[in-house]
Every structure is written in structure tokens, then in C-alpha cells.
Amino acid sequence: MLHSILLLLSLLSQPQGVPPADAASWLAHPLIAHALGGIDGHDLTNSREAFETNYAKGIRVFETDLMPTRNLKDLVAKHDWTKEQYQKFEQDEYVPVDGEWYPLSLEEFLKVPINHRYTPLAWTDLLDLLATHPDAFLVLDTKFTDQATVLKQYGILVKEAEDKDPALLNRVIPQLYHQDMLAWIESVHVFPSYIYTLYQTKDTNQQVIDFVRSHLRVQAITMAESRAVKSFVQSLNQAGARVFVHTVNSKASFDKYRKIGVFGVYTDFLHYSDIAKGIKGSWTAQPPLPAE
């Protein structure tokens, strides 16, 4: 009886008409919104408005950058702390005078709009977005590759998720930058699914293929366009991985990569209405495209 009541309360708490996603269903989506997706021609904002705009257009898988704040106790949705980023987002009061790396505190970061109009997000805000959008997923770009920082970042993000709702972690997909990261992350929390992103690794193609074959939870590979060649892509498919290419913003490029076996792309500006033109109905062995 108690179980039935709890189940009913859980269903009533979900937004109407939006079924909760299961942990593996992110693999049905060929578009991943890069840095929460573009908005008004701006990329890399990682902003609330970017998430909401692209969710409304049918995107369900969102890549987000996560940076430690100045005291290393919080994580925020920020690509990096360089001078160029502050200038790009018109945050001139924080452009560093000396050096190239200037982290903000959590309070400073959250009070300064991006491009004077977009809302910055902390990790806890991203968790709130997952909670209110139960069919959405987050891919994590945490950037750092040394063990101490990886353990620190994942210690923070797992604890804050568990404090809010441990089930949210089922819709979080970490990116691995080298093979050792898998064991480091899983010493903190075992996630249902991982993406191995190749932009920092020195692994050969065969080493990547072998890694996928030996680790079933590494279900996807993402790579730069320069590495996306047919033989490598098809070998990864045969090893059981879905392949994504980053960052792709034209339908022509999307179509080109699909022809060699790439499943999907990270994108700033593509939506399902763009990629479906001329090929709608040809997505065999895949679920229908999300409605716009």
C-alpha cells in the first residue's frame, strides 16, 4: 500500500505529459546541445535561457561545461575562466589584468548576467533543471584530467545530486578524457553510461576500440571532425559504441557523417526540424524524432 502511494506521488510530481526517461534512453537522441545549445546566435553560454530554448525545440540531451569556482568548493556551468571568455560574454569588469585565468566565487558568478541578458547556472541549478524536465539528460564536460581534480569535481557533483535526489544521477553522462578516468569516477559513483571523448587522449584508434569492447558502460565515443573517418567509425559501431562528432552546425555535415556510420553530433544550432528535412521517415531502427 505504501509503495503504491509513493508511486502515485512520484507520478503526480512529474510535469504533465512528460514521461520520466530511463537511464539508457539518451542513446536514442542524435543531437546533443553543446554548452546547453546556442541562443540568439550566441554559443557557449551554458545559460538557463539556452537550455529552455533548446528544450522547447525538441533537444533532450545537453552537454554542459563545469568549472570549479575560486574556492574549489562549488561547480558552475562555465567553459573556462580565461580573459577571452569574459570578453565574449561582455563581462568586462572581470577581465583579468594580470594572467589568463581568473576564477570567480559562486556568488560573483551568479550575479553577473551573460551578454547582459542570460542567466548563469551553478551545478545545483542544473540539477533543478533535470528535476523539472524528467526526460532531459546532462553530458558533463569537466575538462580536467588529473586524478586529484577529477575526484574533487565528482565528489562535489555527486554529493549535491544525492542531497537533492540520487535518481538524478541516472540522467548524468560523464565524459572521459582518458581511460584511467573511468576507475577514478567510479570510485565516487558508478554512472549508468559514459562517453569517451577523444579530444585530449593520445590513444590510438585501436586502443579506443579495445576500451569500448572491454567496458560496457562506455556506450558512446565523441570525436572532432578531423578524426571521424569511415573505418574508425564503423569499427566503433561494431564494438558496440554510438559515435558522435563535435561541433557540427550544418545539415550537410550532419548528413555526411551519418553516411559513414556516425550516429549523432554535438551542435550549437541544429534542431530536429533541420536534420529531418528530406530524410524524415528514414530513421530506421530508431525512435521517432522528438516533435518540435
C-alpha atoms as a PDB file:
ATOM      1  CA  MET A   1       0.000   0.000   0.000  1.00  0.00           C
ATOM      2  CA  LEU A   2       2.787   2.404   0.958  1.00  0.00           C
ATOM      3  CA  HIS A   3       4.636   1.582  -2.287  1.00  0.00           C
ATOM      4  CA  SER A   4       1.505   2.409  -4.318  1.00  0.00           C
ATOM      5  CA  ILE A   5       1.095   5.746  -2.549  1.00  0.00           C
ATOM      6  CA  LEU A   6       4.752   6.662  -3.134  1.00  0.00           C
ATOM      7  CA  LEU A   7       4.486   5.701  -6.806  1.00  0.00           C
ATOM      8  CA  LEU A   8       1.359   7.838  -7.216  1.00  0.00           C
ATOM      9  CA  LEU A   9       3.055  10.822  -5.568  1.00  0.00           C
ATOM     10  CA  SER A  10       6.067  10.377  -7.854  1.00  0.00           C
ATOM     11  CA  LEU A  11       3.870  10.346 -10.963  1.00  0.00           C
ATOM     12  CA  LEU A  12       1.932  13.392  -9.819  1.00  0.00           C
ATOM     13  CA  SER A  13       5.189  15.307  -9.298  1.00  0.00           C
ATOM     14  CA  GLN A  14       6.228  14.864 -12.951  1.00  0.00           C
ATOM     15  CA  PRO A  15       5.311  17.591 -15.467  1.00  0.00           C
ATOM     16  CA  GLN A  16       2.090  16.630 -17.194  1.00  0.00           C
ATOM     17  CA  GLY A  17       2.530  14.626 -20.372  1.00  0.00           C
ATOM     18  CA  VAL A  18       6.297  14.149 -19.950  1.00  0.00           C
ATOM     19  CA  PRO A  19       7.277  10.579 -19.032  1.00  0.00           C
ATOM     20  CA  PRO A  20      10.456  10.150 -16.990  1.00  0.00           C
ATOM     21  CA  ALA A  21      13.429   8.946 -19.009  1.00  0.00           C
ATOM     22  CA  ASP A  22      15.202   5.696 -18.278  1.00  0.00           C
ATOM     23  CA  ALA A  23      18.981   5.750 -17.923  1.00  0.00           C
ATOM     24  CA  ALA A  24      19.778   4.425 -21.411  1.00  0.00           C
ATOM     25  CA  SER A  25      17.246   6.367 -23.458  1.00  0.00           C
ATOM     26  CA  TRP A  26      19.663   9.225 -24.093  1.00  0.00           C
ATOM     27  CA  LEU A  27      21.213   6.942 -26.717  1.00  0.00           C
ATOM     28  CA  ALA A  28      18.130   7.426 -28.897  1.00  0.00           C
ATOM     29  CA  HIS A  29      18.911  11.121 -29.464  1.00  0.00           C
ATOM     30  CA  PRO A  30      21.300  12.076 -32.291  1.00  0.00           C
ATOM     31  CA  LEU A  31      21.579  15.750 -31.284  1.00  0.00           C
ATOM     32  CA  ILE A  32      23.466  16.890 -28.180  1.00  0.00           C
ATOM     33  CA  ALA A  33      23.226  20.600 -27.386  1.00  0.00           C
ATOM     34  CA  HIS A  34      26.772  21.905 -26.994  1.00  0.00           C
ATOM     35  CA  ALA A  35      27.129  24.084 -23.860  1.00  0.00           C
ATOM     36  CA  LEU A  36      23.328  23.789 -23.444  1.00  0.00           C
ATOM     37  CA  GLY A  37      22.904  24.922 -27.058  1.00  0.00           C
ATOM     38  CA  GLY A  38      23.096  28.213 -28.873  1.00  0.00           C
ATOM     39  CA  ILE A  39      20.719  31.106 -28.299  1.00  0.00           C
ATOM     40  CA  ASP A  40      20.208  34.267 -30.384  1.00  0.00           C
ATOM     41  CA  GLY A  41      23.359  33.436 -32.333  1.00  0.00           C
ATOM     42  CA  HIS A  42      25.454  33.091 -29.157  1.00  0.00           C
ATOM     43  CA  ASP A  43      27.275  29.863 -28.352  1.00  0.00           C
ATOM     44  CA  LEU A  44      28.913  28.527 -25.172  1.00  0.00           C
ATOM     45  CA  THR A  45      26.635  30.457 -22.795  1.00  0.00           C
ATOM     46  CA  ASN A  46      25.711  27.410 -20.666  1.00  0.00           C
ATOM     47  CA  SER A  47      22.754  29.555 -19.597  1.00  0.00           C
ATOM     48  CA  ARG A  48      19.265  28.846 -18.312  1.00  0.00           C
ATOM     49  CA  GLU A  49      17.749  30.504 -21.373  1.00  0.00           C
ATOM     50  CA  ALA A  50      19.860  28.343 -23.710  1.00  0.00           C
ATOM     51  CA  PHE A  51      18.606  25.181 -22.013  1.00  0.00           C
ATOM     52  CA  GLU A  52      14.978  26.266 -22.031  1.00  0.00           C
ATOM     53  CA  THR A  53      15.063  27.493 -25.641  1.00  0.00           C
ATOM     54  CA  ASN A  54      16.629  24.304 -26.981  1.00  0.00           C
ATOM     55  CA  TYR A  55      14.461  22.037 -24.841  1.00  0.00           C
ATOM     56  CA  ALA A  56      11.402  23.760 -26.323  1.00  0.00           C
ATOM     57  CA  LYS A  57      12.769  22.929 -29.792  1.00  0.00           C
ATOM     58  CA  GLY A  58      12.995  19.222 -29.035  1.00  0.00           C
ATOM     59  CA  ILE A  59      16.530  18.773 -27.718  1.00  0.00           C
ATOM     60  CA  ARG A  60      16.727  16.355 -24.802  1.00  0.00           C
ATOM     61  CA  VAL A  61      20.468  15.729 -24.343  1.00  0.00           C
ATOM     62  CA  PHE A  62      22.518  18.722 -23.198  1.00  0.00           C
ATOM     63  CA  GLU A  63      26.273  18.937 -22.845  1.00  0.00           C
ATOM     64  CA  THR A  64      27.383  21.390 -20.176  1.00  0.00           C
ATOM     65  CA  ASP A  65      30.792  22.671 -19.157  1.00  0.00           C
ATOM     66  CA  LEU A  66      31.589  22.537 -15.424  1.00  0.00           C
ATOM     67  CA  MET A  67      34.287  24.672 -13.812  1.00  0.00           C
ATOM     68  CA  PRO A  68      35.370  24.849 -10.165  1.00  0.00           C
ATOM     69  CA  THR A  69      34.884  28.239  -8.538  1.00  0.00           C
ATOM     70  CA  ARG A  70      37.694  30.176  -6.905  1.00  0.00           C
ATOM     71  CA  ASN A  71      37.479  28.353  -3.559  1.00  0.00           C
ATOM     72  CA  LEU A  72      37.210  24.946  -5.320  1.00  0.00           C
ATOM     73  CA  LYS A  73      34.055  24.148  -3.314  1.00  0.00           C
ATOM     74  CA  ASP A  74      31.424  24.710  -5.995  1.00  0.00           C
ATOM     75  CA  LEU A  75      30.897  23.869  -9.668  1.00  0.00           C
ATOM     76  CA  VAL A  76      29.352  26.212 -12.199  1.00  0.00           C
ATOM     77  CA  ALA A  77      28.336  25.968 -15.858  1.00  0.00           C
ATOM     78  CA  LYS A  78      31.269  27.800 -17.411  1.00  0.00           C
ATOM     79  CA  HIS A  79      33.522  26.872 -20.332  1.00  0.00           C
ATOM     80  CA  ASP A  80      36.653  28.358 -18.759  1.00  0.00           C
ATOM     81  CA  TRP A  81      37.930  31.328 -16.764  1.00  0.00           C
ATOM     82  CA  THR A  82      40.039  32.940 -19.498  1.00  0.00           C
ATOM     83  CA  LYS A  83      40.136  36.578 -20.497  1.00  0.00           C
ATOM     84  CA  GLU A  84      38.604  35.675 -23.864  1.00  0.00           C
ATOM     85  CA  GLN A  85      35.539  34.153 -22.176  1.00  0.00           C
ATOM     86  CA  TYR A  86      34.865  37.252 -20.092  1.00  0.00           C
ATOM     87  CA  GLN A  87      35.193  39.408 -23.195  1.00  0.00           C
ATOM     88  CA  LYS A  88      32.950  37.094 -25.236  1.00  0.00           C
ATOM     89  CA  PHE A  89      30.205  37.351 -22.620  1.00  0.00           C
ATOM     90  CA  GLU A  90      30.622  41.144 -22.134  1.00  0.00           C
ATOM     91  CA  GLN A  91      31.707  40.785 -18.507  1.00  0.00           C
ATOM     92  CA  ASP A  92      34.410  43.397 -18.784  1.00  0.00           C
ATOM     93  CA  GLU A  93      34.574  44.110 -15.058  1.00  0.00           C
ATOM     94  CA  TYR A  94      36.104  40.662 -14.571  1.00  0.00           C
ATOM     95  CA  VAL A  95      38.641  40.654 -17.420  1.00  0.00           C
ATOM     96  CA  PRO A  96      41.918  39.809 -15.652  1.00  0.00           C
ATOM     97  CA  VAL A  97      44.621  42.447 -15.759  1.00  0.00           C
ATOM     98  CA  ASP A  98      47.392  40.005 -14.910  1.00  0.00           C
ATOM     99  CA  GLY A  99      47.438  36.409 -16.065  1.00  0.00           C
ATOM    100  CA  GLU A 100      44.991  34.496 -18.194  1.00  0.00           C
ATOM    101  CA  TRP A 101      42.928  32.554 -15.625  1.00  0.00           C
ATOM    102  CA  TYR A 102      40.591  34.305 -13.216  1.00  0.00           C
ATOM    103  CA  PRO A 103      38.014  32.114 -11.429  1.00  0.00           C
ATOM    104  CA  LEU A 104      35.104  33.801  -9.686  1.00  0.00           C
ATOM    105  CA  SER A 105      33.427  32.866  -6.433  1.00  0.00           C
ATOM    106  CA  LEU A 106      29.992  31.254  -6.710  1.00  0.00           C
ATOM    107  CA  GLU A 107      28.328  34.473  -5.579  1.00  0.00           C
ATOM    108  CA  GLU A 108      30.210  36.612  -8.123  1.00  0.00           C
ATOM    109  CA  PHE A 109      29.494  34.193 -10.945  1.00  0.00           C
ATOM    110  CA  LEU A 110      25.756  34.012 -10.327  1.00  0.00           C
ATOM    111  CA  LYS A 111      25.196  37.759 -10.059  1.00  0.00           C
ATOM    112  CA  VAL A 112      26.721  38.698 -13.447  1.00  0.00           C
ATOM    113  CA  PRO A 113      24.462  38.070 -16.485  1.00  0.00           C
ATOM    114  CA  ILE A 114      25.960  36.567 -19.652  1.00  0.00           C
ATOM    115  CA  ASN A 115      25.894  39.079 -22.524  1.00  0.00           C
ATOM    116  CA  HIS A 116      23.808  41.307 -20.206  1.00  0.00           C
ATOM    117  CA  ARG A 117      20.739  39.063 -20.591  1.00  0.00           C
ATOM    118  CA  TYR A 118      21.315  35.366 -19.921  1.00  0.00           C
ATOM    119  CA  THR A 119      21.214  33.635 -16.541  1.00  0.00           C
ATOM    120  CA  PRO A 120      24.346  31.799 -15.325  1.00  0.00           C
ATOM    121  CA  LEU A 121      23.886  28.405 -13.681  1.00  0.00           C
ATOM    122  CA  ALA A 122      25.531  26.560 -10.815  1.00  0.00           C
ATOM    123  CA  TRP A 123      25.588  22.759 -10.718  1.00  0.00           C
ATOM    124  CA  THR A 124      22.682  22.835  -8.271  1.00  0.00           C
ATOM    125  CA  ASP A 125      20.673  24.861 -10.818  1.00  0.00           C
ATOM    126  CA  LEU A 126      21.404  22.259 -13.491  1.00  0.00           C
ATOM    127  CA  LEU A 127      20.123  19.565 -11.135  1.00  0.00           C
ATOM    128  CA  ASP A 128      16.932  21.594 -10.698  1.00  0.00           C
ATOM    129  CA  LEU A 129      16.521  21.667 -14.479  1.00  0.00           C
ATOM    130  CA  LEU A 130      16.874  17.882 -14.589  1.00  0.00           C
ATOM    131  CA  ALA A 131      14.282  17.570 -11.845  1.00  0.00           C
ATOM    132  CA  THR A 132      11.756  19.760 -13.689  1.00  0.00           C
ATOM    133  CA  HIS A 133      12.490  18.213 -17.105  1.00  0.00           C
ATOM    134  CA  PRO A 134      12.347  14.461 -16.397  1.00  0.00           C
ATOM    135  CA  ASP A 135      13.117  13.414 -19.980  1.00  0.00           C
ATOM    136  CA  ALA A 136      16.311  15.522 -20.220  1.00  0.00           C
ATOM    137  CA  PHE A 137      19.930  14.365 -19.807  1.00  0.00           C
ATOM    138  CA  LEU A 138      23.186  16.157 -18.996  1.00  0.00           C
ATOM    139  CA  VAL A 139      26.554  15.283 -20.551  1.00  0.00           C
ATOM    140  CA  LEU A 140      29.382  16.615 -18.390  1.00  0.00           C
ATOM    141  CA  ASP A 141      32.444  18.352 -19.797  1.00  0.00           C
ATOM    142  CA  THR A 142      34.564  18.740 -16.673  1.00  0.00           C
ATOM    143  CA  LYS A 143      37.776  19.467 -18.624  1.00  0.00           C
ATOM    144  CA  PHE A 144      40.375  18.450 -16.026  1.00  0.00           C
ATOM    145  CA  THR A 145      42.305  15.194 -16.347  1.00  0.00           C
ATOM    146  CA  ASP A 146      44.443  14.841 -13.198  1.00  0.00           C
ATOM    147  CA  GLN A 147      43.232  12.455 -10.520  1.00  0.00           C
ATOM    148  CA  ALA A 148      43.003  14.944  -7.644  1.00  0.00           C
ATOM    149  CA  THR A 149      40.840  17.391  -9.572  1.00  0.00           C
ATOM    150  CA  VAL A 150      38.647  14.685 -11.099  1.00  0.00           C
ATOM    151  CA  LEU A 151      37.939  13.215  -7.650  1.00  0.00           C
ATOM    152  CA  LYS A 152      37.242  16.680  -6.253  1.00  0.00           C
ATOM    153  CA  GLN A 153      34.826  17.599  -9.049  1.00  0.00           C
ATOM    154  CA  TYR A 154      32.924  14.333  -8.941  1.00  0.00           C
ATOM    155  CA  GLY A 155      32.852  14.357  -5.147  1.00  0.00           C
ATOM    156  CA  ILE A 156      31.102  17.734  -5.251  1.00  0.00           C
ATOM    157  CA  LEU A 157      28.649  16.948  -8.021  1.00  0.00           C
ATOM    158  CA  VAL A 158      27.666  13.507  -6.699  1.00  0.00           C
ATOM    159  CA  LYS A 159      27.105  14.777  -3.158  1.00  0.00           C
ATOM    160  CA  GLU A 160      24.950  17.678  -4.312  1.00  0.00           C
ATOM    161  CA  ALA A 161      22.917  15.380  -6.550  1.00  0.00           C
ATOM    162  CA  GLU A 162      22.444  12.839  -3.765  1.00  0.00           C
ATOM    163  CA  ASP A 163      21.338  15.603  -1.399  1.00  0.00           C
ATOM    164  CA  LYS A 164      18.692  16.667  -3.906  1.00  0.00           C
ATOM    165  CA  ASP A 165      17.621  13.342  -5.462  1.00  0.00           C
ATOM    166  CA  PRO A 166      20.035  10.445  -6.118  1.00  0.00           C
ATOM    167  CA  ALA A 167      17.930   9.322  -9.098  1.00  0.00           C
ATOM    168  CA  LEU A 168      19.029  12.440 -10.995  1.00  0.00           C
ATOM    169  CA  LEU A 169      22.462  10.848 -11.421  1.00  0.00           C
ATOM    170  CA  ASN A 170      20.881   8.253 -13.726  1.00  0.00           C
ATOM    171  CA  ARG A 171      20.461  11.055 -16.270  1.00  0.00           C
ATOM    172  CA  VAL A 172      24.015  12.355 -15.978  1.00  0.00           C
ATOM    173  CA  ILE A 173      26.572  11.118 -18.530  1.00  0.00           C
ATOM    174  CA  PRO A 174      30.216  11.847 -17.652  1.00  0.00           C
ATOM    175  CA  GLN A 175      32.753  12.393 -20.405  1.00  0.00           C
ATOM    176  CA  LEU A 176      36.035  10.541 -20.010  1.00  0.00           C
ATOM    177  CA  TYR A 177      39.216  12.190 -21.324  1.00  0.00           C
ATOM    178  CA  HIS A 178      41.466   9.186 -20.837  1.00  0.00           C
ATOM    179  CA  GLN A 179      40.944   5.592 -19.789  1.00  0.00           C
ATOM    180  CA  ASP A 180      42.058   5.973 -16.159  1.00  0.00           C
ATOM    181  CA  MET A 181      39.232   8.418 -15.503  1.00  0.00           C
ATOM    182  CA  LEU A 182      36.654   5.640 -15.552  1.00  0.00           C
ATOM    183  CA  ALA A 183      38.029   3.985 -12.412  1.00  0.00           C
ATOM    184  CA  TRP A 184      38.555   7.332 -10.696  1.00  0.00           C
ATOM    185  CA  ILE A 185      34.948   8.412 -11.291  1.00  0.00           C
ATOM    186  CA  GLU A 186      33.550   5.027 -10.344  1.00  0.00           C
ATOM    187  CA  SER A 187      35.389   5.200  -7.025  1.00  0.00           C
ATOM    188  CA  VAL A 188      32.977   8.066  -6.283  1.00  0.00           C
ATOM    189  CA  HIS A 189      29.853   6.870  -8.111  1.00  0.00           C
ATOM    190  CA  VAL A 190      29.051   4.307 -10.797  1.00  0.00           C
ATOM    191  CA  PHE A 191      27.068   6.023 -13.550  1.00  0.00           C
ATOM    192  CA  PRO A 192      24.906   4.006 -15.965  1.00  0.00           C
ATOM    193  CA  SER A 193      26.613   5.390 -19.061  1.00  0.00           C
ATOM    194  CA  TYR A 194      29.767   7.202 -20.173  1.00  0.00           C
ATOM    195  CA  ILE A 195      31.073   8.976 -23.255  1.00  0.00           C
ATOM    196  CA  TYR A 196      34.741   8.689 -24.150  1.00  0.00           C
ATOM    197  CA  THR A 197      35.689  11.989 -25.754  1.00  0.00           C
ATOM    198  CA  LEU A 198      38.899  11.876 -27.742  1.00  0.00           C
ATOM    199  CA  TYR A 199      40.000  15.493 -27.930  1.00  0.00           C
ATOM    200  CA  GLN A 200      42.519  15.127 -25.069  1.00  0.00           C
ATOM    201  CA  THR A 201      43.586  11.493 -25.335  1.00  0.00           C
ATOM    202  CA  LYS A 202      46.671  10.153 -27.066  1.00  0.00           C
ATOM    203  CA  ASP A 203      45.069   6.719 -27.536  1.00  0.00           C
ATOM    204  CA  THR A 204      45.372   5.123 -30.937  1.00  0.00           C
ATOM    205  CA  ASN A 205      42.192   4.138 -32.751  1.00  0.00           C
ATOM    206  CA  GLN A 206      42.730   0.509 -31.771  1.00  0.00           C
ATOM    207  CA  GLN A 207      43.183   1.413 -28.106  1.00  0.00           C
ATOM    208  CA  VAL A 208      39.881   3.283 -28.169  1.00  0.00           C
ATOM    209  CA  ILE A 209      38.126   0.324 -29.815  1.00  0.00           C
ATOM    210  CA  ASP A 210      39.587  -2.097 -27.249  1.00  0.00           C
ATOM    211  CA  PHE A 211      38.494   0.179 -24.381  1.00  0.00           C
ATOM    212  CA  VAL A 212      34.912   0.219 -25.637  1.00  0.00           C
ATOM    213  CA  ARG A 213      34.872  -3.555 -26.046  1.00  0.00           C
ATOM    214  CA  SER A 214      36.070  -4.134 -22.503  1.00  0.00           C
ATOM    215  CA  HIS A 215      33.837  -1.575 -20.727  1.00  0.00           C
ATOM    216  CA  LEU A 216      30.132  -1.994 -21.419  1.00  0.00           C
ATOM    217  CA  ARG A 217      29.109   1.259 -19.724  1.00  0.00           C
ATOM    218  CA  VAL A 218      31.258   3.260 -22.166  1.00  0.00           C
ATOM    219  CA  GLN A 219      28.420   3.402 -24.652  1.00  0.00           C
ATOM    220  CA  ALA A 220      29.464   6.322 -26.835  1.00  0.00           C
ATOM    221  CA  ILE A 221      32.511   7.954 -28.363  1.00  0.00           C
ATOM    222  CA  THR A 222      32.745  11.575 -29.422  1.00  0.00           C
ATOM    223  CA  MET A 223      35.489  12.974 -31.595  1.00  0.00           C
ATOM    224  CA  ALA A 224      36.492  16.006 -33.611  1.00  0.00           C
ATOM    225  CA  GLU A 225      35.632  16.096 -37.304  1.00  0.00           C
ATOM    226  CA  SER A 226      39.289  15.521 -38.185  1.00  0.00           C
ATOM    227  CA  ARG A 227      39.237  12.070 -36.575  1.00  0.00           C
ATOM    228  CA  ALA A 228      35.874  10.935 -37.962  1.00  0.00           C
ATOM    229  CA  VAL A 229      36.935   8.591 -40.757  1.00  0.00           C
ATOM    230  CA  LYS A 230      34.747   5.755 -42.002  1.00  0.00           C
ATOM    231  CA  SER A 231      36.940   2.823 -40.975  1.00  0.00           C
ATOM    232  CA  PHE A 232      37.329   4.056 -37.387  1.00  0.00           C
ATOM    233  CA  VAL A 233      33.650   4.950 -37.022  1.00  0.00           C
ATOM    234  CA  GLN A 234      32.473   1.598 -38.332  1.00  0.00           C
ATOM    235  CA  SER A 235      34.891  -0.320 -36.096  1.00  0.00           C
ATOM    236  CA  LEU A 236      33.495   1.544 -33.098  1.00  0.00           C
ATOM    237  CA  ASN A 237      29.963   0.689 -34.187  1.00  0.00           C
ATOM    238  CA  GLN A 238      30.944  -2.975 -34.422  1.00  0.00           C
ATOM    239  CA  ALA A 239      32.399  -2.722 -30.901  1.00  0.00           C
ATOM    240  CA  GLY A 240      29.014  -1.557 -29.645  1.00  0.00           C
ATOM    241  CA  ALA A 241      29.503   2.210 -29.349  1.00  0.00           C
ATOM    242  CA  ARG A 242      27.449   5.041 -30.760  1.00  0.00           C
ATOM    243  CA  VAL A 243      29.665   7.665 -32.362  1.00  0.00           C
ATOM    244  CA  PHE A 244      29.181  11.425 -32.104  1.00  0.00           C
ATOM    245  CA  VAL A 245      31.153  14.197 -33.811  1.00  0.00           C
ATOM    246  CA  HIS A 246      31.686  17.711 -32.417  1.00  0.00           C
ATOM    247  CA  THR A 247      30.877  20.507 -33.079  1.00  0.00           C
ATOM    248  CA  VAL A 248      28.602  20.351 -36.155  1.00  0.00           C
ATOM    249  CA  ASN A 249      26.246  23.159 -37.155  1.00  0.00           C
ATOM    250  CA  SER A 250      25.175  22.348 -40.723  1.00  0.00           C
ATOM    251  CA  LYS A 251      22.789  19.732 -42.058  1.00  0.00           C
ATOM    252  CA  ALA A 252      25.239  18.973 -44.893  1.00  0.00           C
ATOM    253  CA  SER A 253      27.913  17.983 -42.379  1.00  0.00           C
ATOM    254  CA  PHE A 254      25.398  16.037 -40.318  1.00  0.00           C
ATOM    255  CA  ASP A 255      24.328  14.086 -43.410  1.00  0.00           C
ATOM    256  CA  LYS A 256      27.955  13.464 -44.414  1.00  0.00           C
ATOM    257  CA  TYR A 257      28.801  11.916 -41.067  1.00  0.00           C
ATOM    258  CA  ARG A 258      25.611   9.882 -40.913  1.00  0.00           C
ATOM    259  CA  LYS A 259      26.596   8.243 -44.202  1.00  0.00           C
ATOM    260  CA  ILE A 260      29.811   6.862 -42.693  1.00  0.00           C
ATOM    261  CA  GLY A 261      28.098   5.492 -39.572  1.00  0.00           C
ATOM    262  CA  VAL A 262      28.176   8.418 -37.148  1.00  0.00           C
ATOM    263  CA  PHE A 263      25.042   8.361 -35.018  1.00  0.00           C
ATOM    264  CA  GLY A 264      24.864  11.995 -33.938  1.00  0.00           C
ATOM    265  CA  VAL A 265      26.579  15.308 -33.296  1.00  0.00           C
ATOM    266  CA  TYR A 266      27.210  17.894 -30.662  1.00  0.00           C
ATOM    267  CA  THR A 267      25.741  21.100 -32.029  1.00  0.00           C
ATOM    268  CA  ASP A 268      25.201  24.732 -31.158  1.00  0.00           C
ATOM    269  CA  PHE A 269      22.396  25.486 -33.568  1.00  0.00           C
ATOM    270  CA  LEU A 270      20.954  22.380 -35.258  1.00  0.00           C
ATOM    271  CA  HIS A 271      17.491  21.152 -34.263  1.00  0.00           C
ATOM    272  CA  TYR A 272      15.413  18.163 -35.298  1.00  0.00           C
ATOM    273  CA  SER A 273      13.415  20.247 -37.752  1.00  0.00           C
ATOM    274  CA  ASP A 274      16.711  20.957 -39.574  1.00  0.00           C
ATOM    275  CA  ILE A 275      18.078  17.439 -39.832  1.00  0.00           C
ATOM    276  CA  ALA A 276      14.718  15.856 -40.649  1.00  0.00           C
ATOM    277  CA  LYS A 277      14.273  17.825 -43.870  1.00  0.00           C
ATOM    278  CA  GLY A 278      14.423  15.424 -46.783  1.00  0.00           C
ATOM    279  CA  ILE A 279      15.088  12.358 -44.628  1.00  0.00           C
ATOM    280  CA  LYS A 280      12.069  12.180 -42.353  1.00  0.00           C
ATOM    281  CA  GLY A 281      10.958   8.586 -42.047  1.00  0.00           C
ATOM    282  CA  SER A 282      14.401   7.200 -42.893  1.00  0.00           C
ATOM    283  CA  TRP A 283      15.488   6.795 -39.253  1.00  0.00           C
ATOM    284  CA  THR A 284      15.196   3.023 -39.259  1.00  0.00           C
ATOM    285  CA  ALA A 285      15.824   1.139 -36.024  1.00  0.00           C
ATOM    286  CA  GLN A 286      15.486   4.401 -34.097  1.00  0.00           C
ATOM    287  CA  PRO A 287      12.538   6.037 -32.315  1.00  0.00           C
ATOM    288  CA  PRO A 288      10.703   8.926 -33.991  1.00  0.00           C
ATOM    289  CA  LEU A 289      12.376  12.305 -33.858  1.00  0.00           C
ATOM    290  CA  PRO A 290      11.231  14.497 -30.957  1.00  0.00           C
ATOM    291  CA  ALA A 291       8.430  16.827 -32.018  1.00  0.00           C
ATOM    292  CA  GLU A 292       9.261  20.491 -32.396  1.00  0.00           C
END
